[in-house]
ModelCIF file with pLDDT and N, C-alpha, C, O atoms, coordinates in Angstrom:
data_MODEL
#
_entry.id   MODEL 
#
_entity.id                         1 
_entity.type                       polymer 
_entity.pdbx_number_of_molecules   1 
#
_entity_poly.entity_id                      1 
_entity_poly.type                           'polypeptide(L)' 
_entity_poly.nstd_linkage                   no 
_entity_poly.nstd_monomer                   no 
_entity_poly.pdbx_seq_one_letter_code       LSGRVAVVTGASGALGGAMATGLAAAGASVGVLARNRERIDRRVAEI 
_entity_poly.pdbx_seq_one_letter_code_can   LSGRVAVVTGASGALGGAMATGLAAAGASVGVLARNRERIDRRVAEI 
_entity_poly.pdbx_strand_id                 A 
#
loop_
_entity_poly_seq.entity_id 
_entity_poly_seq.num 
_entity_poly_seq.mon_id 
_entity_poly_seq.hetero 
1 1  LEU n 
1 2  SER n 
1 3  GLY n 
1 4  ARG n 
1 5  VAL n 
1 6  ALA n 
1 7  VAL n 
1 8  VAL n 
1 9  THR n 
1 10 GLY n 
1 11 ALA n 
1 12 SER n 
1 13 GLY n 
1 14 ALA n 
1 15 LEU n 
1 16 GLY n 
1 17 GLY n 
1 18 ALA n 
1 19 MET n 
1 20 ALA n 
1 21 THR n 
1 22 GLY n 
1 23 LEU n 
1 24 ALA n 
1 25 ALA n 
1 26 ALA n 
1 27 GLY n 
1 28 ALA n 
1 29 SER n 
1 30 VAL n 
1 31 GLY n 
1 32 VAL n 
1 33 LEU n 
1 34 ALA n 
1 35 ARG n 
1 36 ASN n 
1 37 ARG n 
1 38 GLU n 
1 39 ARG n 
1 40 ILE n 
1 41 ASP n 
1 42 ARG n 
1 43 ARG n 
1 44 VAL n 
1 45 ALA n 
1 46 GLU n 
1 47 ILE n 
#
_struct_asym.id          A 
_struct_asym.entity_id   1 
#
loop_
_ma_qa_metric.id 
_ma_qa_metric.mode 
_ma_qa_metric.name 
_ma_qa_metric.software_group_id 
_ma_qa_metric.type 
1 global pLDDT . pLDDT 
2 local  pLDDT . pLDDT 
#
_ma_qa_metric_global.metric_id      1 
_ma_qa_metric_global.metric_value   97.11 
_ma_qa_metric_global.model_id       1 
_ma_qa_metric_global.ordinal_id     1 
#
loop_
_ma_qa_metric_local.label_asym_id 
_ma_qa_metric_local.label_comp_id 
_ma_qa_metric_local.label_seq_id 
_ma_qa_metric_local.metric_id 
_ma_qa_metric_local.metric_value 
_ma_qa_metric_local.model_id 
_ma_qa_metric_local.ordinal_id 
A LEU 1  2 96.00 1 1  
A SER 2  2 96.00 1 2  
A GLY 3  2 95.00 1 3  
A ARG 4  2 96.00 1 4  
A VAL 5  2 98.00 1 5  
A ALA 6  2 98.00 1 6  
A VAL 7  2 98.00 1 7  
A VAL 8  2 98.00 1 8  
A THR 9  2 98.00 1 9  
A GLY 10 2 97.00 1 10 
A ALA 11 2 97.00 1 11 
A SER 12 2 94.00 1 12 
A GLY 13 2 93.00 1 13 
A ALA 14 2 92.00 1 14 
A LEU 15 2 95.00 1 15 
A GLY 16 2 97.00 1 16 
A GLY 17 2 97.00 1 17 
A ALA 18 2 97.00 1 18 
A MET 19 2 98.00 1 19 
A ALA 20 2 98.00 1 20 
A THR 21 2 98.00 1 21 
A GLY 22 2 98.00 1 22 
A LEU 23 2 98.00 1 23 
A ALA 24 2 98.00 1 24 
A ALA 25 2 97.00 1 25 
A ALA 26 2 97.00 1 26 
A GLY 27 2 97.00 1 27 
A ALA 28 2 98.00 1 28 
A SER 29 2 98.00 1 29 
A VAL 30 2 98.00 1 30 
A GLY 31 2 98.00 1 31 
A VAL 32 2 98.00 1 32 
A LEU 33 2 98.00 1 33 
A ALA 34 2 98.00 1 34 
A ARG 35 2 97.00 1 35 
A ASN 36 2 97.00 1 36 
A ARG 37 2 97.00 1 37 
A GLU 38 2 97.00 1 38 
A ARG 39 2 97.00 1 39 
A ILE 40 2 98.00 1 40 
A ASP 41 2 98.00 1 41 
A ARG 42 2 97.00 1 42 
A ARG 43 2 98.00 1 43 
A VAL 44 2 98.00 1 44 
A ALA 45 2 98.00 1 45 
A GLU 46 2 97.00 1 46 
A ILE 47 2 98.00 1 47 
#
loop_
_atom_site.group_PDB 
_atom_site.id 
_atom_site.type_symbol 
_atom_site.label_atom_id 
_atom_site.label_alt_id 
_atom_site.label_comp_id 
_atom_site.label_asym_id 
_atom_site.label_entity_id 
_atom_site.label_seq_id 
_atom_site.pdbx_PDB_ins_code 
_atom_site.Cartn_x 
_atom_site.Cartn_y 
_atom_site.Cartn_z 
_atom_site.occupancy 
_atom_site.B_iso_or_equiv 
_atom_site.pdbx_formal_charge 
_atom_site.auth_seq_id 
_atom_site.auth_comp_id 
_atom_site.auth_asym_id 
_atom_site.auth_atom_id 
_atom_site.pdbx_PDB_model_num 
ATOM 1   N N  . LEU A 1 1  ? 3.376  -2.324 -14.088 1.00 96.00 ? 1  LEU A N  1 
ATOM 2   C CA . LEU A 1 1  ? 3.246  -0.979 -13.517 1.00 96.00 ? 1  LEU A CA 1 
ATOM 3   C C  . LEU A 1 1  ? 4.580  -0.414 -13.052 1.00 96.00 ? 1  LEU A C  1 
ATOM 4   O O  . LEU A 1 1  ? 4.613  0.543  -12.278 1.00 96.00 ? 1  LEU A O  1 
ATOM 5   N N  . SER A 1 2  ? 5.674  -0.992 -13.515 1.00 96.00 ? 2  SER A N  1 
ATOM 6   C CA . SER A 1 2  ? 6.995  -0.495 -13.126 1.00 96.00 ? 2  SER A CA 1 
ATOM 7   C C  . SER A 1 2  ? 7.144  0.972  -13.512 1.00 96.00 ? 2  SER A C  1 
ATOM 8   O O  . SER A 1 2  ? 6.767  1.381  -14.610 1.00 96.00 ? 2  SER A O  1 
ATOM 9   N N  . GLY A 1 3  ? 7.694  1.747  -12.601 1.00 95.00 ? 3  GLY A N  1 
ATOM 10  C CA . GLY A 1 3  ? 7.901  3.162  -12.839 1.00 95.00 ? 3  GLY A CA 1 
ATOM 11  C C  . GLY A 1 3  ? 6.717  4.035  -12.501 1.00 95.00 ? 3  GLY A C  1 
ATOM 12  O O  . GLY A 1 3  ? 6.809  5.261  -12.573 1.00 95.00 ? 3  GLY A O  1 
ATOM 13  N N  . ARG A 1 4  ? 5.605  3.423  -12.133 1.00 96.00 ? 4  ARG A N  1 
ATOM 14  C CA . ARG A 1 4  ? 4.423  4.210  -11.781 1.00 96.00 ? 4  ARG A CA 1 
ATOM 15  C C  . ARG A 1 4  ? 4.308  4.341  -10.267 1.00 96.00 ? 4  ARG A C  1 
ATOM 16  O O  . ARG A 1 4  ? 4.856  3.547  -9.502  1.00 96.00 ? 4  ARG A O  1 
ATOM 17  N N  . VAL A 1 5  ? 3.583  5.361  -9.874  1.00 98.00 ? 5  VAL A N  1 
ATOM 18  C CA . VAL A 1 5  ? 3.364  5.637  -8.452  1.00 98.00 ? 5  VAL A CA 1 
ATOM 19  C C  . VAL A 1 5  ? 1.866  5.568  -8.180  1.00 98.00 ? 5  VAL A C  1 
ATOM 20  O O  . VAL A 1 5  ? 1.070  6.223  -8.854  1.00 98.00 ? 5  VAL A O  1 
ATOM 21  N N  . ALA A 1 6  ? 1.496  4.772  -7.192  1.00 98.00 ? 6  ALA A N  1 
ATOM 22  C CA . ALA A 1 6  ? 0.087  4.609  -6.822  1.00 98.00 ? 6  ALA A CA 1 
ATOM 23  C C  . ALA A 1 6  ? -0.113 5.026  -5.376  1.00 98.00 ? 6  ALA A C  1 
ATOM 24  O O  . ALA A 1 6  ? 0.716  4.725  -4.518  1.00 98.00 ? 6  ALA A O  1 
ATOM 25  N N  . VAL A 1 7  ? -1.202 5.714  -5.107  1.00 98.00 ? 7  VAL A N  1 
ATOM 26  C CA . VAL A 1 7  ? -1.619 6.027  -3.742  1.00 98.00 ? 7  VAL A CA 1 
ATOM 27  C C  . VAL A 1 7  ? -2.910 5.269  -3.482  1.00 98.00 ? 7  VAL A C  1 
ATOM 28  O O  . VAL A 1 7  ? -3.859 5.355  -4.261  1.00 98.00 ? 7  VAL A O  1 
ATOM 29  N N  . VAL A 1 8  ? -2.941 4.531  -2.385  1.00 98.00 ? 8  VAL A N  1 
ATOM 30  C CA . VAL A 1 8  ? -4.113 3.737  -2.020  1.00 98.00 ? 8  VAL A CA 1 
ATOM 31  C C  . VAL A 1 8  ? -4.654 4.246  -0.696  1.00 98.00 ? 8  VAL A C  1 
ATOM 32  O O  . VAL A 1 8  ? -3.969 4.157  0.323   1.00 98.00 ? 8  VAL A O  1 
ATOM 33  N N  . THR A 1 9  ? -5.874 4.781  -0.688  1.00 98.00 ? 9  THR A N  1 
ATOM 34  C CA . THR A 1 9  ? -6.485 5.193  0.566   1.00 98.00 ? 9  THR A CA 1 
ATOM 35  C C  . THR A 1 9  ? -7.081 3.961  1.247   1.00 98.00 ? 9  THR A C  1 
ATOM 36  O O  . THR A 1 9  ? -7.423 2.981  0.585   1.00 98.00 ? 9  THR A O  1 
ATOM 37  N N  . GLY A 1 10 ? -7.199 4.021  2.560   1.00 97.00 ? 10 GLY A N  1 
ATOM 38  C CA . GLY A 1 10 ? -7.712 2.863  3.290   1.00 97.00 ? 10 GLY A CA 1 
ATOM 39  C C  . GLY A 1 10 ? -6.794 1.667  3.179   1.00 97.00 ? 10 GLY A C  1 
ATOM 40  O O  . GLY A 1 10 ? -7.246 0.526  3.277   1.00 97.00 ? 10 GLY A O  1 
ATOM 41  N N  . ALA A 1 11 ? -5.495 1.912  2.974   1.00 97.00 ? 11 ALA A N  1 
ATOM 42  C CA . ALA A 1 11 ? -4.552 0.838  2.679   1.00 97.00 ? 11 ALA A CA 1 
ATOM 43  C C  . ALA A 1 11 ? -4.139 0.036  3.895   1.00 97.00 ? 11 ALA A C  1 
ATOM 44  O O  . ALA A 1 11 ? -3.381 -0.926 3.770   1.00 97.00 ? 11 ALA A O  1 
ATOM 45  N N  . SER A 1 12 ? -4.625 0.415  5.079   1.00 94.00 ? 12 SER A N  1 
ATOM 46  C CA . SER A 1 12 ? -4.325 -0.393 6.261   1.00 94.00 ? 12 SER A CA 1 
ATOM 47  C C  . SER A 1 12 ? -5.367 -1.478 6.482   1.00 94.00 ? 12 SER A C  1 
ATOM 48  O O  . SER A 1 12 ? -5.170 -2.350 7.328   1.00 94.00 ? 12 SER A O  1 
ATOM 49  N N  . GLY A 1 13 ? -6.476 -1.446 5.738   1.00 93.00 ? 13 GLY A N  1 
ATOM 50  C CA . GLY A 1 13 ? -7.533 -2.433 5.886   1.00 93.00 ? 13 GLY A CA 1 
ATOM 51  C C  . GLY A 1 13 ? -7.253 -3.685 5.074   1.00 93.00 ? 13 GLY A C  1 
ATOM 52  O O  . GLY A 1 13 ? -6.248 -3.770 4.368   1.00 93.00 ? 13 GLY A O  1 
ATOM 53  N N  . ALA A 1 14 ? -8.153 -4.658 5.182   1.00 92.00 ? 14 ALA A N  1 
ATOM 54  C CA . ALA A 1 14 ? -7.944 -5.945 4.523   1.00 92.00 ? 14 ALA A CA 1 
ATOM 55  C C  . ALA A 1 14 ? -7.927 -5.803 3.005   1.00 92.00 ? 14 ALA A C  1 
ATOM 56  O O  . ALA A 1 14 ? -6.981 -6.250 2.357   1.00 92.00 ? 14 ALA A O  1 
ATOM 57  N N  . LEU A 1 15 ? -8.957 -5.189 2.429   1.00 95.00 ? 15 LEU A N  1 
ATOM 58  C CA . LEU A 1 15 ? -9.021 -5.089 0.981   1.00 95.00 ? 15 LEU A CA 1 
ATOM 59  C C  . LEU A 1 15 ? -8.047 -4.036 0.447   1.00 95.00 ? 15 LEU A C  1 
ATOM 60  O O  . LEU A 1 15 ? -7.336 -4.291 -0.526  1.00 95.00 ? 15 LEU A O  1 
ATOM 61  N N  . GLY A 1 16 ? -8.008 -2.867 1.069   1.00 97.00 ? 16 GLY A N  1 
ATOM 62  C CA . GLY A 1 16 ? -7.082 -1.837 0.633   1.00 97.00 ? 16 GLY A CA 1 
ATOM 63  C C  . GLY A 1 16 ? -5.643 -2.275 0.764   1.00 97.00 ? 16 GLY A C  1 
ATOM 64  O O  . GLY A 1 16 ? -4.809 -1.954 -0.082  1.00 97.00 ? 16 GLY A O  1 
ATOM 65  N N  . GLY A 1 17 ? -5.348 -3.010 1.828   1.00 97.00 ? 17 GLY A N  1 
ATOM 66  C CA . GLY A 1 17 ? -3.991 -3.510 2.017   1.00 97.00 ? 17 GLY A CA 1 
ATOM 67  C C  . GLY A 1 17 ? -3.602 -4.511 0.956   1.00 97.00 ? 17 GLY A C  1 
ATOM 68  O O  . GLY A 1 17 ? -2.476 -4.485 0.459   1.00 97.00 ? 17 GLY A O  1 
ATOM 69  N N  . ALA A 1 18 ? -4.519 -5.397 0.602   1.00 97.00 ? 18 ALA A N  1 
ATOM 70  C CA . ALA A 1 18 ? -4.245 -6.362 -0.458  1.00 97.00 ? 18 ALA A CA 1 
ATOM 71  C C  . ALA A 1 18 ? -3.990 -5.659 -1.779  1.00 97.00 ? 18 ALA A C  1 
ATOM 72  O O  . ALA A 1 18 ? -3.120 -6.067 -2.548  1.00 97.00 ? 18 ALA A O  1 
ATOM 73  N N  . MET A 1 19 ? -4.749 -4.600 -2.042  1.00 98.00 ? 19 MET A N  1 
ATOM 74  C CA . MET A 1 19 ? -4.561 -3.856 -3.283  1.00 98.00 ? 19 MET A CA 1 
ATOM 75  C C  . MET A 1 19 ? -3.204 -3.158 -3.301  1.00 98.00 ? 19 MET A C  1 
ATOM 76  O O  . MET A 1 19 ? -2.511 -3.173 -4.318  1.00 98.00 ? 19 MET A O  1 
ATOM 77  N N  . ALA A 1 20 ? -2.825 -2.552 -2.188  1.00 98.00 ? 20 ALA A N  1 
ATOM 78  C CA . ALA A 1 20 ? -1.520 -1.896 -2.116  1.00 98.00 ? 20 ALA A CA 1 
ATOM 79  C C  . ALA A 1 20 ? -0.401 -2.904 -2.355  1.00 98.00 ? 20 ALA A C  1 
ATOM 80  O O  . ALA A 1 20 ? 0.549  -2.620 -3.083  1.00 98.00 ? 20 ALA A O  1 
ATOM 81  N N  . THR A 1 21 ? -0.514 -4.073 -1.747  1.00 98.00 ? 21 THR A N  1 
ATOM 82  C CA . THR A 1 21 ? 0.492  -5.116 -1.920  1.00 98.00 ? 21 THR A CA 1 
ATOM 83  C C  . THR A 1 21 ? 0.531  -5.602 -3.362  1.00 98.00 ? 21 THR A C  1 
ATOM 84  O O  . THR A 1 21 ? 1.608  -5.830 -3.914  1.00 98.00 ? 21 THR A O  1 
ATOM 85  N N  . GLY A 1 22 ? -0.644 -5.762 -3.976  1.00 98.00 ? 22 GLY A N  1 
ATOM 86  C CA . GLY A 1 22 ? -0.703 -6.210 -5.363  1.00 98.00 ? 22 GLY A CA 1 
ATOM 87  C C  . GLY A 1 22 ? -0.100 -5.211 -6.328  1.00 98.00 ? 22 GLY A C  1 
ATOM 88  O O  . GLY A 1 22 ? 0.587  -5.600 -7.272  1.00 98.00 ? 22 GLY A O  1 
ATOM 89  N N  . LEU A 1 23 ? -0.347 -3.926 -6.106  1.00 98.00 ? 23 LEU A N  1 
ATOM 90  C CA . LEU A 1 23 ? 0.233  -2.895 -6.958  1.00 98.00 ? 23 LEU A CA 1 
ATOM 91  C C  . LEU A 1 23 ? 1.754  -2.885 -6.850  1.00 98.00 ? 23 LEU A C  1 
ATOM 92  O O  . LEU A 1 23 ? 2.455  -2.732 -7.850  1.00 98.00 ? 23 LEU A O  1 
ATOM 93  N N  . ALA A 1 24 ? 2.256  -3.048 -5.626  1.00 98.00 ? 24 ALA A N  1 
ATOM 94  C CA . ALA A 1 24 ? 3.706  -3.092 -5.428  1.00 98.00 ? 24 ALA A CA 1 
ATOM 95  C C  . ALA A 1 24 ? 4.316  -4.303 -6.121  1.00 98.00 ? 24 ALA A C  1 
ATOM 96  O O  . ALA A 1 24 ? 5.391  -4.205 -6.712  1.00 98.00 ? 24 ALA A O  1 
ATOM 97  N N  . ALA A 1 25 ? 3.632  -5.444 -6.052  1.00 97.00 ? 25 ALA A N  1 
ATOM 98  C CA . ALA A 1 25 ? 4.137  -6.656 -6.709  1.00 97.00 ? 25 ALA A CA 1 
ATOM 99  C C  . ALA A 1 25 ? 4.194  -6.493 -8.220  1.00 97.00 ? 25 ALA A C  1 
ATOM 100 O O  . ALA A 1 25 ? 5.002  -7.136 -8.889  1.00 97.00 ? 25 ALA A O  1 
ATOM 101 N N  . ALA A 1 26 ? 3.321  -5.617 -8.764  1.00 97.00 ? 26 ALA A N  1 
ATOM 102 C CA . ALA A 1 26 ? 3.310  -5.366 -10.209 1.00 97.00 ? 26 ALA A CA 1 
ATOM 103 C C  . ALA A 1 26 ? 4.324  -4.300 -10.611 1.00 97.00 ? 26 ALA A C  1 
ATOM 104 O O  . ALA A 1 26 ? 4.415  -3.942 -11.785 1.00 97.00 ? 26 ALA A O  1 
ATOM 105 N N  . GLY A 1 27 ? 5.086  -3.791 -9.644  1.00 97.00 ? 27 GLY A N  1 
ATOM 106 C CA . GLY A 1 27 ? 6.160  -2.858 -9.944  1.00 97.00 ? 27 GLY A CA 1 
ATOM 107 C C  . GLY A 1 27 ? 5.930  -1.426 -9.552  1.00 97.00 ? 27 GLY A C  1 
ATOM 108 O O  . GLY A 1 27 ? 6.837  -0.604 -9.678  1.00 97.00 ? 27 GLY A O  1 
ATOM 109 N N  . ALA A 1 28 ? 4.739  -1.096 -9.078  1.00 98.00 ? 28 ALA A N  1 
ATOM 110 C CA . ALA A 1 28 ? 4.456  0.294  -8.708  1.00 98.00 ? 28 ALA A CA 1 
ATOM 111 C C  . ALA A 1 28 ? 5.070  0.646  -7.361  1.00 98.00 ? 28 ALA A C  1 
ATOM 112 O O  . ALA A 1 28 ? 5.181  -0.205 -6.479  1.00 98.00 ? 28 ALA A O  1 
ATOM 113 N N  . SER A 1 29 ? 5.464  1.896  -7.209  1.00 98.00 ? 29 SER A N  1 
ATOM 114 C CA . SER A 1 29 ? 5.763  2.449  -5.889  1.00 98.00 ? 29 SER A CA 1 
ATOM 115 C C  . SER A 1 29 ? 4.435  2.848  -5.272  1.00 98.00 ? 29 SER A C  1 
ATOM 116 O O  . SER A 1 29 ? 3.585  3.430  -5.945  1.00 98.00 ? 29 SER A O  1 
ATOM 117 N N  . VAL A 1 30 ? 4.248  2.535  -3.983  1.00 98.00 ? 30 VAL A N  1 
ATOM 118 C CA . VAL A 1 30 ? 2.915  2.664  -3.398  1.00 98.00 ? 30 VAL A CA 1 
ATOM 119 C C  . VAL A 1 30 ? 2.934  3.568  -2.171  1.00 98.00 ? 30 VAL A C  1 
ATOM 120 O O  . VAL A 1 30 ? 3.710  3.373  -1.235  1.00 98.00 ? 30 VAL A O  1 
ATOM 121 N N  . GLY A 1 31 ? 2.047  4.567  -2.210  1.00 98.00 ? 31 GLY A N  1 
ATOM 122 C CA . GLY A 1 31 ? 1.787  5.376  -1.032  1.00 98.00 ? 31 GLY A CA 1 
ATOM 123 C C  . GLY A 1 31 ? 0.664  4.738  -0.236  1.00 98.00 ? 31 GLY A C  1 
ATOM 124 O O  . GLY A 1 31 ? -0.474 4.665  -0.700  1.00 98.00 ? 31 GLY A O  1 
ATOM 125 N N  . VAL A 1 32 ? 0.987  4.279  0.960   1.00 98.00 ? 32 VAL A N  1 
ATOM 126 C CA . VAL A 1 32 ? 0.037  3.586  1.826   1.00 98.00 ? 32 VAL A CA 1 
ATOM 127 C C  . VAL A 1 32 ? -0.639 4.637  2.698   1.00 98.00 ? 32 VAL A C  1 
ATOM 128 O O  . VAL A 1 32 ? -0.060 5.089  3.685   1.00 98.00 ? 32 VAL A O  1 
ATOM 129 N N  . LEU A 1 33 ? -1.856 5.026  2.340   1.00 98.00 ? 33 LEU A N  1 
ATOM 130 C CA . LEU A 1 33 ? -2.537 6.128  3.015   1.00 98.00 ? 33 LEU A CA 1 
ATOM 131 C C  . LEU A 1 33 ? -3.643 5.603  3.920   1.00 98.00 ? 33 LEU A C  1 
ATOM 132 O O  . LEU A 1 33 ? -4.519 4.856  3.485   1.00 98.00 ? 33 LEU A O  1 
ATOM 133 N N  . ALA A 1 34 ? -3.588 6.001  5.173   1.00 98.00 ? 34 ALA A N  1 
ATOM 134 C CA . ALA A 1 34 ? -4.608 5.646  6.157   1.00 98.00 ? 34 ALA A CA 1 
ATOM 135 C C  . ALA A 1 34 ? -4.442 6.586  7.343   1.00 98.00 ? 34 ALA A C  1 
ATOM 136 O O  . ALA A 1 34 ? -3.598 7.482  7.319   1.00 98.00 ? 34 ALA A O  1 
ATOM 137 N N  . ARG A 1 35 ? -5.256 6.379  8.391   1.00 97.00 ? 35 ARG A N  1 
ATOM 138 C CA . ARG A 1 35 ? -5.216 7.279  9.551   1.00 97.00 ? 35 ARG A CA 1 
ATOM 139 C C  . ARG A 1 35 ? -4.263 6.813  10.630  1.00 97.00 ? 35 ARG A C  1 
ATOM 140 O O  . ARG A 1 35 ? -3.692 7.637  11.345  1.00 97.00 ? 35 ARG A O  1 
ATOM 141 N N  . ASN A 1 36 ? -4.079 5.510  10.765  1.00 97.00 ? 36 ASN A N  1 
ATOM 142 C CA . ASN A 1 36 ? -3.334 4.944  11.890  1.00 97.00 ? 36 ASN A CA 1 
ATOM 143 C C  . ASN A 1 36 ? -1.889 4.646  11.498  1.00 97.00 ? 36 ASN A C  1 
ATOM 144 O O  . ASN A 1 36 ? -1.634 3.772  10.670  1.00 97.00 ? 36 ASN A O  1 
ATOM 145 N N  . ARG A 1 37 ? -0.948 5.374  12.093  1.00 97.00 ? 37 ARG A N  1 
ATOM 146 C CA . ARG A 1 37 ? 0.459  5.240  11.734  1.00 97.00 ? 37 ARG A CA 1 
ATOM 147 C C  . ARG A 1 37 ? 0.989  3.829  11.983  1.00 97.00 ? 37 ARG A C  1 
ATOM 148 O O  . ARG A 1 37 ? 1.745  3.299  11.169  1.00 97.00 ? 37 ARG A O  1 
ATOM 149 N N  . GLU A 1 38 ? 0.603  3.228  13.082  1.00 97.00 ? 38 GLU A N  1 
ATOM 150 C CA . GLU A 1 38 ? 1.107  1.892  13.398  1.00 97.00 ? 38 GLU A CA 1 
ATOM 151 C C  . GLU A 1 38 ? 0.688  0.878  12.337  1.00 97.00 ? 38 GLU A C  1 
ATOM 152 O O  . GLU A 1 38 ? 1.495  0.060  11.895  1.00 97.00 ? 38 GLU A O  1 
ATOM 153 N N  . ARG A 1 39 ? -0.568 0.941  11.938  1.00 97.00 ? 39 ARG A N  1 
ATOM 154 C CA . ARG A 1 39 ? -1.055 -0.002 10.929  1.00 97.00 ? 39 ARG A CA 1 
ATOM 155 C C  . ARG A 1 39 ? -0.449 0.298  9.560   1.00 97.00 ? 39 ARG A C  1 
ATOM 156 O O  . ARG A 1 39 ? -0.177 -0.618 8.785   1.00 97.00 ? 39 ARG A O  1 
ATOM 157 N N  . ILE A 1 40 ? -0.242 1.563  9.270   1.00 98.00 ? 40 ILE A N  1 
ATOM 158 C CA . ILE A 1 40 ? 0.432  1.946  8.027   1.00 98.00 ? 40 ILE A CA 1 
ATOM 159 C C  . ILE A 1 40 ? 1.826  1.348  7.985   1.00 98.00 ? 40 ILE A C  1 
ATOM 160 O O  . ILE A 1 40 ? 2.224  0.752  6.984   1.00 98.00 ? 40 ILE A O  1 
ATOM 161 N N  . ASP A 1 41 ? 2.567  1.509  9.072   1.00 98.00 ? 41 ASP A N  1 
ATOM 162 C CA . ASP A 1 41 ? 3.948  1.025  9.117   1.00 98.00 ? 41 ASP A CA 1 
ATOM 163 C C  . ASP A 1 41 ? 4.013  -0.481 8.931   1.00 98.00 ? 41 ASP A C  1 
ATOM 164 O O  . ASP A 1 41 ? 4.942  -0.986 8.300   1.00 98.00 ? 41 ASP A O  1 
ATOM 165 N N  . ARG A 1 42 ? 3.047  -1.203 9.468   1.00 97.00 ? 42 ARG A N  1 
ATOM 166 C CA . ARG A 1 42 ? 3.027  -2.658 9.283   1.00 97.00 ? 42 ARG A CA 1 
ATOM 167 C C  . ARG A 1 42 ? 2.840  -3.009 7.814   1.00 97.00 ? 42 ARG A C  1 
ATOM 168 O O  . ARG A 1 42 ? 3.490  -3.921 7.303   1.00 97.00 ? 42 ARG A O  1 
ATOM 169 N N  . ARG A 1 43 ? 1.950  -2.287 7.133   1.00 98.00 ? 43 ARG A N  1 
ATOM 170 C CA . ARG A 1 43 ? 1.713  -2.563 5.725   1.00 98.00 ? 43 ARG A CA 1 
ATOM 171 C C  . ARG A 1 43 ? 2.931  -2.210 4.883   1.00 98.00 ? 43 ARG A C  1 
ATOM 172 O O  . ARG A 1 43 ? 3.303  -2.961 3.981   1.00 98.00 ? 43 ARG A O  1 
ATOM 173 N N  . VAL A 1 44 ? 3.550  -1.074 5.173   1.00 98.00 ? 44 VAL A N  1 
ATOM 174 C CA . VAL A 1 44 ? 4.757  -0.677 4.445   1.00 98.00 ? 44 VAL A CA 1 
ATOM 175 C C  . VAL A 1 44 ? 5.848  -1.723 4.621   1.00 98.00 ? 44 VAL A C  1 
ATOM 176 O O  . VAL A 1 44 ? 6.511  -2.103 3.656   1.00 98.00 ? 44 VAL A O  1 
ATOM 177 N N  . ALA A 1 45 ? 6.033  -2.189 5.853   1.00 98.00 ? 45 ALA A N  1 
ATOM 178 C CA . ALA A 1 45 ? 7.066  -3.197 6.122   1.00 98.00 ? 45 ALA A CA 1 
ATOM 179 C C  . ALA A 1 45 ? 6.785  -4.488 5.367   1.00 98.00 ? 45 ALA A C  1 
ATOM 180 O O  . ALA A 1 45 ? 7.705  -5.125 4.853   1.00 98.00 ? 45 ALA A O  1 
ATOM 181 N N  . GLU A 1 46 ? 5.525  -4.869 5.301   1.00 97.00 ? 46 GLU A N  1 
ATOM 182 C CA . GLU A 1 46 ? 5.146  -6.079 4.565   1.00 97.00 ? 46 GLU A CA 1 
ATOM 183 C C  . GLU A 1 46 ? 5.487  -5.951 3.084   1.00 97.00 ? 46 GLU A C  1 
ATOM 184 O O  . GLU A 1 46 ? 6.017  -6.883 2.479   1.00 97.00 ? 46 GLU A O  1 
ATOM 185 N N  . ILE A 1 47 ? 5.183  -4.802 2.510   1.00 98.00 ? 47 ILE A N  1 
ATOM 186 C CA . ILE A 1 47 ? 5.488  -4.579 1.094   1.00 98.00 ? 47 ILE A CA 1 
ATOM 187 C C  . ILE A 1 47 ? 6.990  -4.582 0.862   1.00 98.00 ? 47 ILE A C  1 
ATOM 188 O O  . ILE A 1 47 ? 7.440  -4.410 -0.271  1.00 98.00 ? 47 ILE A O  1 
#
């Protein structure tokens, strides 16, 4: 998925977060979309 851009809603949760991380590992740039900024930032930092 290199060069692609993915947006994942609910990406601060357990399943959505795993999917966002998996997409990034496959080469995609990932928009981590959720309501809580603190939890979003943790997921972004992890990726």
